[in-house]
Amino acid sequence: MTRLLPLGLFLLLAGLLGVALYWGPRDELPSPLIGKPVPAITLPGLNEGDAGLTPALFGAGKPVVINVFASWCAPCRLEHPLLMALATRLGATVYGIAYKNKPEDAAAFLAELGNPFASVGLDESGRTGIELGVYGVPETFIIDGEGRIAYRHAGPLTPEILSGEILPRLRANGS
C-alpha cells in the first residue's frame, strides 16, 4: 500500500494541474489598462514621411481600433482579411502598430495583403507594446472617443470575435 502512495499523490497533483489549466476562460488575458487612458503613443511611420502614430489620434470623440501585428506572425496573416473588412466594408478607423518589425518587412507584409490601417506606427524596440501590456502578437484594442482603452483582445481575430465583441463595442462607444 505504501508503494502506491507516491503514484496516488502524483495522479492527484496531475489532476489538479490539469483542472487548473482548463478552468475558466482560456482566451482572456486580463488587462489592468481597461478604462484607463491609452499610453502616449508616439511612433514613426513605416516609411520616411509617413505619419506614424501620435497621441492626437486617440480621444478625438470617435472610437478607434489599434491592431498590434508583425510580418513574422502567422496568426497576424490569418486575421488580416478581417482587419481589411473592418476598415473597408465596416468603416472603422484602424491603426496599426508594427511590433518588433523591420520597416521593410512590415511594408512588404502590407503590400502583399493590403493595408487596412489609417496609419501605421513602427515599434521596432517593442517599448510601446510593453506600455500597452501586449503579451504577444496579434492583439487588438478599442480606444473609446475619450482616449481610454475600452477593450483588448489577445490573439487573432475571428469572425465570432469581430461580430460578437469588436463591432458591438465600437457601436457602444460611439462609432
Protein backbone atom coordinates (compact mmCIF):
# COMPACT_ATOMS: atom_id res chain seq x y z
CA MET A 1 0.00 0.00 0.00
CA THR A 2 2.79 2.45 0.84
CA ARG A 3 4.30 1.69 -2.55
CA LEU A 4 1.19 3.11 -4.26
CA LEU A 5 1.16 6.32 -2.21
CA PRO A 6 3.67 8.21 -4.44
CA LEU A 7 1.73 7.17 -7.55
CA GLY A 8 -1.54 8.28 -5.96
CA LEU A 9 -0.09 11.65 -4.96
CA PHE A 10 1.32 12.13 -8.45
CA LEU A 11 -2.05 11.37 -10.07
CA LEU A 12 -3.83 13.72 -7.66
CA LEU A 13 -1.36 16.54 -8.39
CA ALA A 14 -1.53 15.93 -12.15
CA GLY A 15 -5.33 16.03 -11.97
CA LEU A 16 -5.32 19.31 -10.04
CA LEU A 17 -2.88 20.88 -12.50
CA GLY A 18 -4.96 19.67 -15.43
CA VAL A 19 -8.12 21.22 -13.98
CA ALA A 20 -6.26 24.49 -13.29
CA LEU A 21 -5.10 24.68 -16.90
CA TYR A 22 -8.60 24.34 -18.32
CA TRP A 23 -10.60 26.17 -15.66
CA GLY A 24 -12.13 29.50 -16.70
CA PRO A 25 -11.86 31.42 -19.95
CA ARG A 26 -8.58 30.44 -21.60
CA ASP A 27 -8.66 33.14 -24.26
CA GLU A 28 -8.99 36.02 -21.82
CA LEU A 29 -5.87 37.70 -20.56
CA PRO A 30 -6.76 40.46 -18.11
CA SER A 31 -5.58 43.97 -18.82
CA PRO A 32 -5.15 46.47 -15.99
CA LEU A 33 -5.41 49.26 -18.59
CA ILE A 34 -9.13 48.80 -19.36
CA GLY A 35 -10.86 52.09 -18.58
CA LYS A 36 -7.58 53.99 -18.36
CA PRO A 37 -6.17 56.46 -20.88
CA VAL A 38 -4.20 54.94 -23.71
CA PRO A 39 -0.46 55.45 -23.12
CA ALA A 40 1.02 58.40 -25.02
CA ILE A 41 1.86 56.54 -28.21
CA THR A 42 4.30 58.34 -30.44
CA LEU A 43 5.74 56.12 -33.16
CA PRO A 44 7.35 56.90 -36.50
CA GLY A 45 5.68 55.71 -39.69
CA LEU A 46 6.89 52.73 -41.68
CA ASN A 47 8.43 54.83 -44.42
CA GLU A 48 10.11 58.20 -44.38
CA GLY A 49 7.38 60.83 -44.49
CA ASP A 50 4.61 58.52 -43.21
CA ALA A 51 2.56 60.00 -40.39
CA GLY A 52 3.04 57.23 -37.82
CA LEU A 53 1.08 57.40 -34.56
CA THR A 54 0.68 60.30 -32.13
CA PRO A 55 -1.49 60.89 -29.04
CA ALA A 56 -3.68 63.30 -31.06
CA LEU A 57 -5.18 60.31 -32.93
CA PHE A 58 -6.81 58.93 -29.80
CA GLY A 59 -9.62 60.58 -27.88
CA ALA A 60 -10.88 62.75 -30.73
CA GLY A 61 -14.51 61.89 -29.99
CA LYS A 62 -14.69 58.70 -32.07
CA PRO A 63 -13.65 55.18 -31.08
CA VAL A 64 -10.75 53.66 -32.98
CA VAL A 65 -9.13 50.26 -33.21
CA ILE A 66 -5.43 49.59 -32.67
CA ASN A 67 -4.05 46.32 -34.00
CA VAL A 68 -0.58 45.18 -32.95
CA PHE A 69 0.88 42.96 -35.66
CA ALA A 70 4.15 41.71 -37.13
CA SER A 71 5.16 40.41 -40.53
CA TRP A 72 6.73 37.33 -38.93
CA CYS A 73 3.48 36.44 -37.11
CA ALA A 74 1.47 33.62 -38.75
CA PRO A 75 -1.78 34.39 -36.83
CA CYS A 76 -1.47 38.03 -37.97
CA ARG A 77 -1.63 36.80 -41.55
CA LEU A 78 -4.75 34.76 -40.74
CA GLU A 79 -6.64 37.66 -39.13
CA HIS A 80 -5.66 40.20 -41.78
CA PRO A 81 -8.74 39.73 -44.02
CA LEU A 82 -10.92 40.58 -41.01
CA LEU A 83 -8.98 43.79 -40.43
CA MET A 84 -9.42 44.64 -44.11
CA ALA A 85 -13.18 44.10 -43.79
CA LEU A 86 -13.33 46.08 -40.55
CA ALA A 87 -11.67 49.08 -42.18
CA THR A 88 -13.11 48.95 -45.70
CA ARG A 89 -16.60 47.44 -45.52
CA LEU A 90 -17.48 48.33 -41.94
CA GLY A 91 -15.87 51.79 -41.89
CA ALA A 92 -13.92 51.53 -38.64
CA THR A 93 -10.77 53.59 -38.17
CA VAL A 94 -7.99 51.08 -37.61
CA TYR A 95 -4.43 52.00 -36.66
CA GLY A 96 -1.58 49.52 -36.78
CA ILE A 97 1.50 49.02 -34.66
CA ALA A 98 4.23 47.02 -36.38
CA TYR A 99 5.67 45.26 -33.35
CA LYS A 100 9.36 44.31 -33.27
CA ASN A 101 9.46 44.54 -37.04
CA LYS A 102 11.84 45.96 -39.59
CA PRO A 103 10.13 48.70 -41.60
CA GLU A 104 10.80 46.99 -44.93
CA ASP A 105 9.34 43.68 -43.68
CA ALA A 106 6.17 45.32 -42.33
CA ALA A 107 5.77 47.34 -45.54
CA ALA A 108 6.14 44.17 -47.65
CA PHE A 109 3.56 42.39 -45.47
CA LEU A 110 1.03 45.19 -46.04
CA ALA A 111 1.87 45.46 -49.74
CA GLU A 112 1.15 41.74 -50.14
CA LEU A 113 -2.03 41.50 -48.04
CA GLY A 114 -3.44 45.02 -48.29
CA ASN A 115 -3.28 47.89 -45.85
CA PRO A 116 -6.36 48.34 -43.62
CA PHE A 117 -4.64 50.91 -41.42
CA ALA A 118 -5.29 54.65 -41.43
CA SER A 119 -1.72 54.92 -40.16
CA VAL A 120 0.97 52.51 -39.00
CA GLY A 121 3.47 53.15 -36.24
CA LEU A 122 6.76 51.29 -36.14
CA ASP A 123 7.60 49.79 -32.73
CA GLU A 124 10.95 48.18 -33.53
CA SER A 125 12.06 48.02 -29.90
CA GLY A 126 8.74 46.73 -28.55
CA ARG A 127 8.60 49.52 -25.97
CA THR A 128 5.11 50.70 -26.95
CA GLY A 129 3.92 47.11 -26.82
CA ILE A 130 5.17 46.91 -23.24
CA GLU A 131 3.34 50.14 -22.35
CA LEU A 132 0.12 48.66 -23.77
CA GLY A 133 0.64 45.40 -21.91
CA VAL A 134 0.99 43.34 -25.08
CA TYR A 135 1.57 39.65 -24.34
CA GLY A 136 2.27 38.77 -27.97
CA VAL A 137 1.03 39.48 -31.45
CA PRO A 138 -1.60 39.87 -32.64
CA GLU A 139 -3.52 41.95 -30.14
CA THR A 140 -6.38 44.32 -30.80
CA PHE A 141 -7.56 47.26 -28.70
CA ILE A 142 -10.58 49.53 -28.87
CA ILE A 143 -9.91 53.07 -27.76
CA ASP A 144 -13.08 55.00 -26.89
CA GLY A 145 -13.80 58.54 -28.05
CA GLU A 146 -12.27 59.94 -24.88
CA GLY A 147 -8.95 58.15 -25.37
CA ARG A 148 -9.47 55.33 -22.86
CA ILE A 149 -8.83 51.67 -23.53
CA ALA A 150 -12.31 50.16 -23.73
CA TYR A 151 -11.42 46.62 -24.82
CA ARG A 152 -8.48 44.34 -25.51
CA HIS A 153 -8.38 41.06 -27.39
CA ALA A 154 -5.22 38.97 -27.21
CA GLY A 155 -4.77 36.60 -30.13
CA PRO A 156 -6.01 36.59 -33.69
CA LEU A 157 -9.42 38.00 -34.52
CA THR A 158 -12.07 35.57 -35.69
CA PRO A 159 -15.41 36.28 -37.33
CA GLU A 160 -17.05 35.50 -33.97
CA ILE A 161 -14.83 37.95 -32.07
CA LEU A 162 -15.40 40.60 -34.74
CA SER A 163 -19.19 40.28 -34.71
CA GLY A 164 -19.64 39.44 -31.02
CA GLU A 165 -17.08 41.71 -29.36
CA ILE A 166 -15.44 44.30 -31.63
CA LEU A 167 -18.44 45.65 -33.56
CA PRO A 168 -20.81 45.87 -30.56
CA ARG A 169 -18.14 47.66 -28.53
CA LEU A 170 -17.40 50.11 -31.33
CA ARG A 171 -21.13 50.88 -31.57
CA ALA A 172 -21.44 51.20 -27.80
CA ASN A 173 -18.52 53.64 -27.74
CA GLY A 174 -19.96 55.92 -30.41
CA SER A 175 -18.95 54.54 -33.80
